[in-house]
Structure formats: C-alpha cells, structure tokens
Amino acid sequence: MYFPQFLVGMLVTSFVVAIWIGVETGSGWAALGGALLTLVVLQVGYVVLIIRLILNQIPKTGAAASASANPAPPLRGDGVSL
C-alpha cells in the first residue's frame, strides 16, 4: 500500500468528516473531535492491514508447511479426445 496516497486520503476524509459534523452540530469542538476520531480509526486500520500483510509473508514451518504444499500435478494430456 502506498503510504503518501493513504495519508492524503486520510486527511481528506477527516476534513470532510469535520465539515459534516461542524455543519450538523454547529460546534467547532465537536468537529475537531470527530476529525480526530476519524484519524485514529483510519490509522489503526492501516496498522492492522500492514501487520496482516507482514504475517502473511512469513513462511510456514513444520507440518503446516508440508500439508499446505501443493506440488504440481503430473503431466497427463489435456483431456481432449480426438
């Protein structure tokens, strides 16, 4: 995932949420709180995604690796009868 693109999207999203909450409530403090909450939720989601991507790249060892190995099937023609 490209971090600068995520960062711009996160800031634009929090800005839109701040404007929306500000229009709905008329309170600048509520708008600031909503924007900060949005930033925190998006950042936590980003960290969880990165951790998941890293953990999926770690090779499995032991019985799990041998059970999940998918050797290529033997070559036997394509099943077309002429």
Foldseek 3Di string as FASTA:
>chain_A
DDVVVLVVVLQVVLVVQLVVQCVVPVDNVSSVVSSVVSSVVSVVVVVVVVVVVVVVPDQDDDPVNVVPDDDDDDDDDDPDDD
